[in-house]
PDB file of N, CA and C in Angstrom:
ATOM      1  N   MET A   1     -12.421 -16.542  23.665  1.00  0.00           N
ATOM      2  CA  MET A   1     -12.500 -16.094  22.290  1.00  0.00           C
ATOM      3  C   MET A   1     -11.147 -16.282  21.615  1.00  0.00           C
ATOM      4  N   GLU A   2     -11.205 -16.736  20.377  1.00  0.00           N
ATOM      5  CA  GLU A   2      -9.978 -17.029  19.659  1.00  0.00           C
ATOM      6  C   GLU A   2      -9.377 -15.745  19.084  1.00  0.00           C
ATOM      7  N   GLU A   3      -8.072 -15.622  19.228  1.00  0.00           N
ATOM      8  CA  GLU A   3      -7.391 -14.433  18.725  1.00  0.00           C
ATOM      9  C   GLU A   3      -7.153 -14.578  17.226  1.00  0.00           C
ATOM     10  N   LYS A   4      -7.398 -13.510  16.486  1.00  0.00           N
ATOM     11  CA  LYS A   4      -7.234 -13.527  15.041  1.00  0.00           C
ATOM     12  C   LYS A   4      -5.773 -13.284  14.690  1.00  0.00           C
ATOM     13  N   LEU A   5      -5.180 -14.197  13.915  1.00  0.00           N
ATOM     14  CA  LEU A   5      -3.805 -14.035  13.477  1.00  0.00           C
ATOM     15  C   LEU A   5      -3.766 -13.125  12.258  1.00  0.00           C
ATOM     16  N   GLU A   6      -2.864 -12.171  12.284  1.00  0.00           N
ATOM     17  CA  GLU A   6      -2.699 -11.234  11.190  1.00  0.00           C
ATOM     18  C   GLU A   6      -1.238 -11.209  10.765  1.00  0.00           C
ATOM     19  N   ALA A   7      -1.013 -10.941   9.510  1.00  0.00           N
ATOM     20  CA  ALA A   7       0.330 -10.716   8.998  1.00  0.00           C
ATOM     21  C   ALA A   7       0.346  -9.337   8.359  1.00  0.00           C
ATOM     22  N   LYS A   8       1.466  -8.647   8.501  1.00  0.00           N
ATOM     23  CA  LYS A   8       1.547  -7.255   8.076  1.00  0.00           C
ATOM     24  C   LYS A   8       2.772  -7.039   7.208  1.00  0.00           C
ATOM     25  N   ALA A   9       2.646  -6.115   6.268  1.00  0.00           N
ATOM     26  CA  ALA A   9       3.781  -5.681   5.460  1.00  0.00           C
ATOM     27  C   ALA A   9       3.703  -4.165   5.326  1.00  0.00           C
ATOM     28  N   ILE A  10       4.853  -3.507   5.435  1.00  0.00           N
ATOM     29  CA  ILE A  10       4.926  -2.060   5.342  1.00  0.00           C
ATOM     30  C   ILE A  10       5.977  -1.688   4.295  1.00  0.00           C
ATOM     31  N   ALA A  11       5.596  -0.823   3.386  1.00  0.00           N
ATOM     32  CA  ALA A  11       6.547  -0.256   2.422  1.00  0.00           C
ATOM     33  C   ALA A  11       6.691   1.219   2.764  1.00  0.00           C
ATOM     34  N   LYS A  12       7.886   1.606   3.160  1.00  0.00           N
ATOM     35  CA  LYS A  12       8.098   2.975   3.608  1.00  0.00           C
ATOM     36  C   LYS A  12       8.777   3.810   2.528  1.00  0.00           C
ATOM     37  N   ARG A  13       8.506   5.110   2.574  1.00  0.00           N
ATOM     38  CA  ARG A  13       9.119   6.118   1.721  1.00  0.00           C
ATOM     39  C   ARG A  13       8.962   5.815   0.237  1.00  0.00           C
ATOM     40  N   MET A  14       7.775   5.382  -0.163  1.00  0.00           N
ATOM     41  CA  MET A  14       7.501   5.141  -1.570  1.00  0.00           C
ATOM     42  C   MET A  14       7.292   6.490  -2.252  1.00  0.00           C
ATOM     43  N   ARG A  15       7.900   6.667  -3.428  1.00  0.00           N
ATOM     44  CA  ARG A  15       7.893   7.979  -4.084  1.00  0.00           C
ATOM     45  C   ARG A  15       6.615   8.190  -4.886  1.00  0.00           C
ATOM     46  N   ILE A  16       5.513   8.311  -4.175  1.00  0.00           N
ATOM     47  CA  ILE A  16       4.241   8.641  -4.782  1.00  0.00           C
ATOM     48  C   ILE A  16       3.436   9.423  -3.760  1.00  0.00           C
ATOM     49  N   SER A  17       2.611  10.306  -4.228  1.00  0.00           N
ATOM     50  CA  SER A  17       1.787  11.109  -3.340  1.00  0.00           C
ATOM     51  C   SER A  17       0.761  10.226  -2.620  1.00  0.00           C
ATOM     52  N   PRO A  18       0.524  10.445  -1.341  1.00  0.00           N
ATOM     53  CA  PRO A  18      -0.455   9.624  -0.628  1.00  0.00           C
ATOM     54  C   PRO A  18      -1.866   9.737  -1.201  1.00  0.00           C
ATOM     55  N   ILE A  19      -2.210  10.892  -1.744  1.00  0.00           N
ATOM     56  CA  ILE A  19      -3.545  11.069  -2.315  1.00  0.00           C
ATOM     57  C   ILE A  19      -3.731  10.152  -3.521  1.00  0.00           C
ATOM     58  N   LYS A  20      -2.711  10.050  -4.358  1.00  0.00           N
ATOM     59  CA  LYS A  20      -2.796   9.194  -5.534  1.00  0.00           C
ATOM     60  C   LYS A  20      -2.801   7.715  -5.138  1.00  0.00           C
ATOM     61  N   ALA A  21      -2.031   7.351  -4.115  1.00  0.00           N
ATOM     62  CA  ALA A  21      -1.968   5.960  -3.687  1.00  0.00           C
ATOM     63  C   ALA A  21      -3.268   5.524  -3.007  1.00  0.00           C
ATOM     64  N   ARG A  22      -3.932   6.447  -2.318  1.00  0.00           N
ATOM     65  CA  ARG A  22      -5.187   6.099  -1.640  1.00  0.00           C
ATOM     66  C   ARG A  22      -6.299   5.767  -2.622  1.00  0.00           C
ATOM     67  N   LEU A  23      -6.260   6.347  -3.812  1.00  0.00           N
ATOM     68  CA  LEU A  23      -7.253   6.016  -4.833  1.00  0.00           C
ATOM     69  C   LEU A  23      -7.207   4.534  -5.183  1.00  0.00           C
ATOM     70  N   VAL A  24      -6.015   3.963  -5.227  1.00  0.00           N
ATOM     71  CA  VAL A  24      -5.855   2.554  -5.592  1.00  0.00           C
ATOM     72  C   VAL A  24      -6.119   1.652  -4.397  1.00  0.00           C
ATOM     73  N   ILE A  25      -5.632   2.039  -3.225  1.00  0.00           N
ATOM     74  CA  ILE A  25      -5.745   1.145  -2.067  1.00  0.00           C
ATOM     75  C   ILE A  25      -7.178   1.028  -1.574  1.00  0.00           C
ATOM     76  N   ASP A  26      -8.021   2.027  -1.866  1.00  0.00           N
ATOM     77  CA  ASP A  26      -9.423   1.945  -1.483  1.00  0.00           C
ATOM     78  C   ASP A  26     -10.159   0.844  -2.237  1.00  0.00           C
ATOM     79  N   THR A  27      -9.654   0.450  -3.398  1.00  0.00           N
ATOM     80  CA  THR A  27     -10.333  -0.573  -4.202  1.00  0.00           C
ATOM     81  C   THR A  27     -10.124  -1.987  -3.667  1.00  0.00           C
ATOM     82  N   ILE A  28      -9.076  -2.218  -2.856  1.00  0.00           N
ATOM     83  CA  ILE A  28      -8.788  -3.590  -2.409  1.00  0.00           C
ATOM     84  C   ILE A  28      -9.131  -3.838  -0.953  1.00  0.00           C
ATOM     85  N   ARG A  29      -9.494  -2.808  -0.213  1.00  0.00           N
ATOM     86  CA  ARG A  29      -9.751  -2.978   1.220  1.00  0.00           C
ATOM     87  C   ARG A  29     -10.938  -3.910   1.438  1.00  0.00           C
ATOM     88  N   GLY A  30     -10.730  -4.966   2.263  1.00  0.00           N
ATOM     89  CA  GLY A  30     -11.793  -5.906   2.604  1.00  0.00           C
ATOM     90  C   GLY A  30     -11.977  -7.044   1.627  1.00  0.00           C
ATOM     91  N   LYS A  31     -11.230  -7.084   0.541  1.00  0.00           N
ATOM     92  CA  LYS A  31     -11.396  -8.120  -0.476  1.00  0.00           C
ATOM     93  C   LYS A  31     -10.503  -9.325  -0.173  1.00  0.00           C
ATOM     94  N   ASP A  32     -10.832 -10.467  -0.777  1.00  0.00           N
ATOM     95  CA  ASP A  32      -9.951 -11.632  -0.718  1.00  0.00           C
ATOM     96  C   ASP A  32      -8.652 -11.298  -1.447  1.00  0.00           C
ATOM     97  N   VAL A  33      -7.551 -11.944  -1.039  1.00  0.00           N
ATOM     98  CA  VAL A  33      -6.261 -11.599  -1.623  1.00  0.00           C
ATOM     99  C   VAL A  33      -6.206 -11.955  -3.104  1.00  0.00           C
ATOM    100  N   LYS A  34      -6.897 -13.028  -3.497  1.00  0.00           N
ATOM    101  CA  LYS A  34      -6.918 -13.411  -4.914  1.00  0.00           C
ATOM    102  C   LYS A  34      -7.586 -12.318  -5.745  1.00  0.00           C
ATOM    103  N   ASP A  35      -8.709 -11.798  -5.251  1.00  0.00           N
ATOM    104  CA  ASP A  35      -9.407 -10.728  -5.956  1.00  0.00           C
ATOM    105  C   ASP A  35      -8.589  -9.436  -5.937  1.00  0.00           C
ATOM    106  N   ALA A  36      -7.948  -9.145  -4.808  1.00  0.00           N
ATOM    107  CA  ALA A  36      -7.155  -7.926  -4.689  1.00  0.00           C
ATOM    108  C   ALA A  36      -5.976  -7.944  -5.658  1.00  0.00           C
ATOM    109  N   LEU A  37      -5.315  -9.093  -5.796  1.00  0.00           N
ATOM    110  CA  LEU A  37      -4.202  -9.195  -6.741  1.00  0.00           C
ATOM    111  C   LEU A  37      -4.679  -9.027  -8.175  1.00  0.00           C
ATOM    112  N   ALA A  38      -5.871  -9.564  -8.486  1.00  0.00           N
ATOM    113  CA  ALA A  38      -6.424  -9.406  -9.832  1.00  0.00           C
ATOM    114  C   ALA A  38      -6.755  -7.943 -10.121  1.00  0.00           C
ATOM    115  N   ILE A  39      -7.308  -7.259  -9.133  1.00  0.00           N
ATOM    116  CA  ILE A  39      -7.636  -5.837  -9.301  1.00  0.00           C
ATOM    117  C   ILE A  39      -6.359  -5.019  -9.523  1.00  0.00           C
ATOM    118  N   LEU A  40      -5.339  -5.289  -8.721  1.00  0.00           N
ATOM    119  CA  LEU A  40      -4.092  -4.524  -8.844  1.00  0.00           C
ATOM    120  C   LEU A  40      -3.357  -4.815 -10.148  1.00  0.00           C
ATOM    121  N   SER A  41      -3.479  -6.050 -10.636  1.00  0.00           N
ATOM    122  CA  SER A  41      -2.818  -6.392 -11.902  1.00  0.00           C
ATOM    123  C   SER A  41      -3.461  -5.674 -13.079  1.00  0.00           C
ATOM    124  N   ASN A  42      -4.748  -5.368 -12.976  1.00  0.00           N
ATOM    125  CA  ASN A  42      -5.469  -4.743 -14.084  1.00  0.00           C
ATOM    126  C   ASN A  42      -5.708  -3.254 -13.888  1.00  0.00           C
ATOM    127  N   THR A  43      -5.093  -2.654 -12.875  1.00  0.00           N
ATOM    128  CA  THR A  43      -5.226  -1.227 -12.643  1.00  0.00           C
ATOM    129  C   THR A  43      -4.033  -0.516 -13.262  1.00  0.00           C
ATOM    130  N   ASN A  44      -4.322   0.483 -14.071  1.00  0.00           N
ATOM    131  CA  ASN A  44      -3.270   1.181 -14.807  1.00  0.00           C
ATOM    132  C   ASN A  44      -2.834   2.440 -14.051  1.00  0.00           C
ATOM    133  N   LYS A  45      -2.232   2.245 -12.885  1.00  0.00           N
ATOM    134  CA  LYS A  45      -1.733   3.346 -12.071  1.00  0.00           C
ATOM    135  C   LYS A  45      -0.337   2.983 -11.571  1.00  0.00           C
ATOM    136  N   LYS A  46       0.467   3.996 -11.291  1.00  0.00           N
ATOM    137  CA  LYS A  46       1.809   3.770 -10.757  1.00  0.00           C
ATOM    138  C   LYS A  46       1.739   3.130  -9.369  1.00  0.00           C
ATOM    139  N   ALA A  47       0.757   3.545  -8.581  1.00  0.00           N
ATOM    140  CA  ALA A  47       0.643   3.042  -7.208  1.00  0.00           C
ATOM    141  C   ALA A  47       0.277   1.567  -7.157  1.00  0.00           C
ATOM    142  N   SER A  48      -0.380   1.056  -8.199  1.00  0.00           N
ATOM    143  CA  SER A  48      -0.841  -0.332  -8.152  1.00  0.00           C
ATOM    144  C   SER A  48       0.329  -1.317  -8.085  1.00  0.00           C
ATOM    145  N   LEU A  49       1.440  -1.004  -8.735  1.00  0.00           N
ATOM    146  CA  LEU A  49       2.610  -1.885  -8.671  1.00  0.00           C
ATOM    147  C   LEU A  49       3.215  -1.898  -7.270  1.00  0.00           C
ATOM    148  N   MET A  50       3.315  -0.727  -6.650  1.00  0.00           N
ATOM    149  CA  MET A  50       3.867  -0.639  -5.296  1.00  0.00           C
ATOM    150  C   MET A  50       2.978  -1.357  -4.289  1.00  0.00           C
ATOM    151  N   ILE A  51       1.668  -1.176  -4.420  1.00  0.00           N
ATOM    152  CA  ILE A  51       0.721  -1.809  -3.500  1.00  0.00           C
ATOM    153  C   ILE A  51       0.698  -3.312  -3.715  1.00  0.00           C
ATOM    154  N   LYS A  52       0.811  -3.751  -4.963  1.00  0.00           N
ATOM    155  CA  LYS A  52       0.820  -5.189  -5.263  1.00  0.00           C
ATOM    156  C   LYS A  52       2.031  -5.875  -4.633  1.00  0.00           C
ATOM    157  N   LYS A  53       3.194  -5.232  -4.710  1.00  0.00           N
ATOM    158  CA  LYS A  53       4.390  -5.820  -4.097  1.00  0.00           C
ATOM    159  C   LYS A  53       4.253  -5.908  -2.574  1.00  0.00           C
ATOM    160  N   THR A  54       3.649  -4.885  -1.976  1.00  0.00           N
ATOM    161  CA  THR A  54       3.442  -4.894  -0.530  1.00  0.00           C
ATOM    162  C   THR A  54       2.444  -5.967  -0.134  1.00  0.00           C
ATOM    163  N   LEU A  55       1.385  -6.128  -0.923  1.00  0.00           N
ATOM    164  CA  LEU A  55       0.388  -7.168  -0.648  1.00  0.00           C
ATOM    165  C   LEU A  55       0.993  -8.563  -0.779  1.00  0.00           C
ATOM    166  N   GLU A  56       1.810  -8.772  -1.795  1.00  0.00           N
ATOM    167  CA  GLU A  56       2.470 -10.072  -1.955  1.00  0.00           C
ATOM    168  C   GLU A  56       3.406 -10.359  -0.786  1.00  0.00           C
ATOM    169  N   SER A  57       4.053  -9.334  -0.253  1.00  0.00           N
ATOM    170  CA  SER A  57       4.910  -9.501   0.911  1.00  0.00           C
ATOM    171  C   SER A  57       4.094  -9.873   2.139  1.00  0.00           C
ATOM    172  N   ALA A  58       2.929  -9.248   2.312  1.00  0.00           N
ATOM    173  CA  ALA A  58       2.066  -9.571   3.450  1.00  0.00           C
ATOM    174  C   ALA A  58       1.545 -11.004   3.350  1.00  0.00           C
ATOM    175  N   ILE A  59       1.221 -11.448   2.146  1.00  0.00           N
ATOM    176  CA  ILE A  59       0.764 -12.827   1.943  1.00  0.00           C
ATOM    177  C   ILE A  59       1.881 -13.807   2.278  1.00  0.00           C
ATOM    178  N   ALA A  60       3.096 -13.503   1.824  1.00  0.00           N
ATOM    179  CA  ALA A  60       4.236 -14.375   2.121  1.00  0.00           C
ATOM    180  C   ALA A  60       4.517 -14.423   3.619  1.00  0.00           C
ATOM    181  N   ASN A  61       4.374 -13.293   4.308  1.00  0.00           N
ATOM    182  CA  ASN A  61       4.558 -13.283   5.759  1.00  0.00           C
ATOM    183  C   ASN A  61       3.516 -14.149   6.447  1.00  0.00           C
ATOM    184  N   ALA A  62       2.277 -14.109   5.970  1.00  0.00           N
ATOM    185  CA  ALA A  62       1.211 -14.904   6.581  1.00  0.00           C
ATOM    186  C   ALA A  62       1.445 -16.395   6.385  1.00  0.00           C
ATOM    187  N   VAL A  63       1.849 -16.766   5.189  1.00  0.00           N
ATOM    188  CA  VAL A  63       2.036 -18.187   4.884  1.00  0.00           C
ATOM    189  C   VAL A  63       3.277 -18.739   5.579  1.00  0.00           C
ATOM    190  N   ASN A  64       4.384 -18.003   5.528  1.00  0.00           N
ATOM    191  CA  ASN A  64       5.649 -18.525   6.047  1.00  0.00           C
ATOM    192  C   ASN A  64       5.818 -18.349   7.553  1.00  0.00           C
ATOM    193  N   ASN A  65       5.341 -17.238   8.101  1.00  0.00           N
ATOM    194  CA  ASN A  65       5.577 -16.966   9.511  1.00  0.00           C
ATOM    195  C   ASN A  65       4.455 -17.452  10.422  1.00  0.00           C
ATOM    196  N   HIS A  66       3.213 -17.404   9.938  1.00  0.00           N
ATOM    197  CA  HIS A  66       2.072 -17.759  10.783  1.00  0.00           C
ATOM    198  C   HIS A  66       1.346 -19.021  10.331  1.00  0.00           C
ATOM    199  N   GLN A  67       1.829 -19.670   9.261  1.00  0.00           N
ATOM    200  CA  GLN A  67       1.252 -20.907   8.727  1.00  0.00           C
ATOM    201  C   GLN A  67      -0.244 -20.754   8.423  1.00  0.00           C
ATOM    202  N   LEU A  68      -0.635 -19.646   7.830  1.00  0.00           N
ATOM    203  CA  LEU A  68      -2.020 -19.433   7.428  1.00  0.00           C
ATOM    204  C   LEU A  68      -2.209 -19.923   5.995  1.00  0.00           C
ATOM    205  N   GLU A  69      -3.443 -20.289   5.669  1.00  0.00           N
ATOM    206  CA  GLU A  69      -3.743 -20.754   4.313  1.00  0.00           C
ATOM    207  C   GLU A  69      -3.982 -19.562   3.400  1.00  0.00           C
ATOM    208  N   GLU A  70      -3.325 -19.577   2.261  1.00  0.00           N
ATOM    209  CA  GLU A  70      -3.438 -18.446   1.333  1.00  0.00           C
ATOM    210  C   GLU A  70      -4.844 -18.325   0.756  1.00  0.00           C
ATOM    211  N   ALA A  71      -5.534 -19.429   0.598  1.00  0.00           N
ATOM    212  CA  ALA A  71      -6.879 -19.402   0.007  1.00  0.00           C
ATOM    213  C   ALA A  71      -7.894 -18.711   0.916  1.00  0.00           C
ATOM    214  N   LYS A  72      -7.651 -18.689   2.228  1.00  0.00           N
ATOM    215  CA  LYS A  72      -8.589 -18.095   3.179  1.00  0.00           C
ATOM    216  C   LYS A  72      -8.261 -16.658   3.551  1.00  0.00           C
ATOM    217  N   LEU A  73      -7.175 -16.114   3.014  1.00  0.00           N
ATOM    218  CA  LEU A  73      -6.728 -14.781   3.423  1.00  0.00           C
ATOM    219  C   LEU A  73      -7.553 -13.678   2.768  1.00  0.00           C
ATOM    220  N   TYR A  74      -7.722 -12.584   3.510  1.00  0.00           N
ATOM    221  CA  TYR A  74      -8.348 -11.381   2.980  1.00  0.00           C
ATOM    222  C   TYR A  74      -7.609 -10.162   3.520  1.00  0.00           C
ATOM    223  N   VAL A  75      -7.817  -9.031   2.887  1.00  0.00           N
ATOM    224  CA  VAL A  75      -7.164  -7.789   3.286  1.00  0.00           C
ATOM    225  C   VAL A  75      -8.001  -7.160   4.398  1.00  0.00           C
ATOM    226  N   CYS A  76      -7.538  -7.287   5.643  1.00  0.00           N
ATOM    227  CA  CYS A  76      -8.319  -6.750   6.765  1.00  0.00           C
ATOM    228  C   CYS A  76      -8.005  -5.286   7.027  1.00  0.00           C
ATOM    229  N   GLU A  77      -6.809  -4.830   6.654  1.00  0.00           N
ATOM    230  CA  GLU A  77      -6.467  -3.409   6.806  1.00  0.00           C
ATOM    231  C   GLU A  77      -5.546  -3.008   5.673  1.00  0.00           C
ATOM    232  N   ALA A  78      -5.860  -1.892   5.055  1.00  0.00           N
ATOM    233  CA  ALA A  78      -5.012  -1.338   3.995  1.00  0.00           C
ATOM    234  C   ALA A  78      -5.084   0.172   4.104  1.00  0.00           C
ATOM    235  N   ARG A  79      -3.927   0.779   4.323  1.00  0.00           N
ATOM    236  CA  ARG A  79      -3.927   2.234   4.461  1.00  0.00           C
ATOM    237  C   ARG A  79      -2.642   2.814   3.888  1.00  0.00           C
ATOM    238  N   VAL A  80      -2.722   4.090   3.562  1.00  0.00           N
ATOM    239  CA  VAL A  80      -1.565   4.833   3.065  1.00  0.00           C
ATOM    240  C   VAL A  80      -1.369   6.032   3.968  1.00  0.00           C
ATOM    241  N   ASP A  81      -0.210   6.116   4.596  1.00  0.00           N
ATOM    242  CA  ASP A  81       0.129   7.244   5.456  1.00  0.00           C
ATOM    243  C   ASP A  81       1.124   8.142   4.722  1.00  0.00           C
ATOM    244  N   ALA A  82       1.138   9.392   5.100  1.00  0.00           N
ATOM    245  CA  ALA A  82       2.075  10.336   4.493  1.00  0.00           C
ATOM    246  C   ALA A  82       3.471  10.121   5.062  1.00  0.00           C
ATOM    247  N   GLY A  83       4.447  10.101   4.197  1.00  0.00           N
ATOM    248  CA  GLY A  83       5.836   9.978   4.603  1.00  0.00           C
ATOM    249  C   GLY A  83       6.506  11.340   4.586  1.00  0.00           C
ATOM    250  N   PRO A  84       7.825  11.354   4.649  1.00  0.00           N
ATOM    251  CA  PRO A  84       8.527  12.633   4.613  1.00  0.00           C
ATOM    252  C   PRO A  84       8.380  13.303   3.245  1.00  0.00           C
ATOM    253  N   VAL A  85       8.469  14.618   3.254  1.00  0.00           N
ATOM    254  CA  VAL A  85       8.339  15.402   2.027  1.00  0.00           C
ATOM    255  C   VAL A  85       9.714  15.927   1.653  1.00  0.00           C
ATOM    256  N   TYR A  86      10.138  15.632   0.418  1.00  0.00           N
ATOM    257  CA  TYR A  86      11.411  16.147  -0.073  1.00  0.00           C
ATOM    258  C   TYR A  86      11.152  17.508  -0.699  1.00  0.00           C
ATOM    259  N   LYS A  87      11.763  18.542  -0.140  1.00  0.00           N
ATOM    260  CA  LYS A  87      11.538  19.909  -0.619  1.00  0.00           C
ATOM    261  C   LYS A  87      12.514  20.205  -1.755  1.00  0.00           C
ATOM    262  N   ARG A  88      11.963  20.624  -2.879  1.00  0.00           N
ATOM    263  CA  ARG A  88      12.770  21.014  -4.034  1.00  0.00           C
ATOM    264  C   ARG A  88      12.356  22.412  -4.462  1.00  0.00           C
ATOM    265  N   VAL A  89      13.251  23.108  -5.144  1.00  0.00           N
ATOM    266  CA  VAL A  89      12.941  24.458  -5.598  1.00  0.00           C
ATOM    267  C   VAL A  89      12.631  24.430  -7.080  1.00  0.00           C
ATOM    268  N   LYS A  90      11.771  25.367  -7.453  1.00  0.00           N
ATOM    269  CA  LYS A  90      11.402  25.553  -8.854  1.00  0.00           C
ATOM    270  C   LYS A  90      11.556  27.039  -9.134  1.00  0.00           C
ATOM    271  N   PHE A  91      12.378  27.371 -10.085  1.00  0.00           N
ATOM    272  CA  PHE A  91      12.618  28.784 -10.367  1.00  0.00           C
ATOM    273  C   PHE A  91      11.398  29.363 -11.065  1.00  0.00           C
ATOM    274  N   ASP A  92      10.947  30.483 -10.518  1.00  0.00           N
ATOM    275  CA  ASP A  92       9.699  31.085 -10.948  1.00  0.00           C
ATOM    276  C   ASP A  92       9.985  32.374 -11.711  1.00  0.00           C
ATOM    277  N   SER A  93       8.933  33.018 -12.122  1.00  0.00           N
ATOM    278  CA  SER A  93       9.095  34.251 -12.879  1.00  0.00           C
ATOM    279  C   SER A  93       9.553  35.391 -11.966  1.00  0.00           C
ATOM    280  N   ARG A  94      10.121  36.411 -12.558  1.00  0.00           N
ATOM    281  CA  ARG A  94      10.591  37.618 -11.877  1.00  0.00           C
ATOM    282  C   ARG A  94      11.608  37.327 -10.779  1.00  0.00           C
ATOM    283  N   GLY A  95      12.430  36.311 -10.977  1.00  0.00           N
ATOM    284  CA  GLY A  95      13.511  36.021 -10.047  1.00  0.00           C
ATOM    285  C   GLY A  95      13.085  35.375  -8.745  1.00  0.00           C
ATOM    286  N   ARG A  96      11.865  34.939  -8.658  1.00  0.00           N
ATOM    287  CA  ARG A  96      11.391  34.311  -7.421  1.00  0.00           C
ATOM    288  C   ARG A  96      11.656  32.810  -7.447  1.00  0.00           C
ATOM    289  N   ILE A  97      11.536  32.238  -6.272  1.00  0.00           N
ATOM    290  CA  ILE A  97      11.719  30.788  -6.152  1.00  0.00           C
ATOM    291  C   ILE A  97      10.418  30.180  -5.660  1.00  0.00           C
ATOM    292  N   GLY A  98       9.915  29.203  -6.415  1.00  0.00           N
ATOM    293  CA  GLY A  98       8.724  28.479  -6.007  1.00  0.00           C
ATOM    294  C   GLY A  98       9.119  27.157  -5.371  1.00  0.00           C
ATOM    295  N   HIS A  99       8.141  26.405  -4.920  1.00  0.00           N
ATOM    296  CA  HIS A  99       8.404  25.128  -4.265  1.00  0.00           C
ATOM    297  C   HIS A  99       7.842  23.989  -5.102  1.00  0.00           C
ATOM    298  N   LYS A 100       8.571  22.903  -5.162  1.00  0.00           N
ATOM    299  CA  LYS A 100       8.129  21.679  -5.819  1.00  0.00           C
ATOM    300  C   LYS A 100       8.352  20.560  -4.819  1.00  0.00           C
ATOM    301  N   ASP A 101       7.329  20.273  -4.022  1.00  0.00           N
ATOM    302  CA  ASP A 101       7.449  19.268  -2.972  1.00  0.00           C
ATOM    303  C   ASP A 101       7.284  17.873  -3.556  1.00  0.00           C
ATOM    304  N   LYS A 102       8.205  16.983  -3.215  1.00  0.00           N
ATOM    305  CA  LYS A 102       8.150  15.588  -3.648  1.00  0.00           C
ATOM    306  C   LYS A 102       7.620  14.778  -2.469  1.00  0.00           C
ATOM    307  N   ARG A 103       6.382  14.373  -2.543  1.00  0.00           N
ATOM    308  CA  ARG A 103       5.732  13.686  -1.430  1.00  0.00           C
ATOM    309  C   ARG A 103       6.011  12.191  -1.477  1.00  0.00           C
ATOM    310  N   THR A 104       6.068  11.573  -0.281  1.00  0.00           N
ATOM    311  CA  THR A 104       6.276  10.130  -0.182  1.00  0.00           C
ATOM    312  C   THR A 104       5.160   9.514   0.649  1.00  0.00           C
ATOM    313  N   SER A 105       5.063   8.184   0.574  1.00  0.00           N
ATOM    314  CA  SER A 105       3.989   7.463   1.249  1.00  0.00           C
ATOM    315  C   SER A 105       4.533   6.256   1.989  1.00  0.00           C
ATOM    316  N   HIS A 106       3.841   5.896   3.059  1.00  0.00           N
ATOM    317  CA  HIS A 106       4.064   4.624   3.740  1.00  0.00           C
ATOM    318  C   HIS A 106       2.819   3.775   3.482  1.00  0.00           C
ATOM    319  N   ILE A 107       3.001   2.598   2.876  1.00  0.00           N
ATOM    320  CA  ILE A 107       1.890   1.710   2.557  1.00  0.00           C
ATOM    321  C   ILE A 107       1.865   0.594   3.583  1.00  0.00           C
ATOM    322  N   VAL A 108       0.735   0.437   4.272  1.00  0.00           N
ATOM    323  CA  VAL A 108       0.562  -0.586   5.310  1.00  0.00           C
ATOM    324  C   VAL A 108      -0.568  -1.508   4.897  1.00  0.00           C
ATOM    325  N   ILE A 109      -0.283  -2.812   4.826  1.00  0.00           N
ATOM    326  CA  ILE A 109      -1.298  -3.801   4.467  1.00  0.00           C
ATOM    327  C   ILE A 109      -1.247  -4.939   5.487  1.00  0.00           C
ATOM    328  N   LYS A 110      -2.425  -5.280   6.048  1.00  0.00           N
ATOM    329  CA  LYS A 110      -2.556  -6.429   6.935  1.00  0.00           C
ATOM    330  C   LYS A 110      -3.508  -7.424   6.315  1.00  0.00           C
ATOM    331  N   VAL A 111      -3.145  -8.704   6.393  1.00  0.00           N
ATOM    332  CA  VAL A 111      -4.012  -9.774   5.913  1.00  0.00           C
ATOM    333  C   VAL A 111      -4.316 -10.717   7.073  1.00  0.00           C
ATOM    334  N   ALA A 112      -5.500 -11.309   7.035  1.00  0.00           N
ATOM    335  CA  ALA A 112      -5.917 -12.261   8.072  1.00  0.00           C
ATOM    336  C   ALA A 112      -6.784 -13.330   7.434  1.00  0.00           C
ATOM    337  N   GLU A 113      -7.019 -14.411   8.182  1.00  0.00           N
ATOM    338  CA  GLU A 113      -7.869 -15.498   7.688  1.00  0.00           C
ATOM    339  C   GLU A 113      -9.315 -15.188   7.969  1.00  0.00           C
ATOM    340  N   ARG A 114     -10.178 -15.543   7.021  1.00  0.00           N
ATOM    341  CA  ARG A 114     -11.622 -15.416   7.257  1.00  0.00           C
ATOM    342  C   ARG A 114     -12.053 -16.528   8.203  1.00  0.00           C
ATOM    343  N   GLN A 115     -12.986 -16.201   9.093  1.00  0.00           N
ATOM    344  CA  GLN A 115     -13.453 -17.201  10.067  1.00  0.00           C
ATOM    345  C   GLN A 115     -14.559 -18.050   9.489  1.00  0.00           C
TER     346      GLN A 115
END
């Protein structure tokens, strides 16, 4: 059986909540890269720019490192993992201190050739 070649790109510690980024990344999973780039270009979300840059990096890795054809590539894996949380304080009423957590994400995208 022939082994499937994959190329991967990871963007770590992106300053966006994983919940918000997952809304965008769910739209491109399993699609051809041409369609995925079109979807990300027309999506009006902050996460779409970060995901688009990561996808373009994965495509470049596939073409340059593994000599795969860009026309045959599709998104075989796309996920958003939670990164470290930056803890910040928010001054609250009656002299108390509240929390304002700044969440980060790790964006992982793998592309492969369709058989």
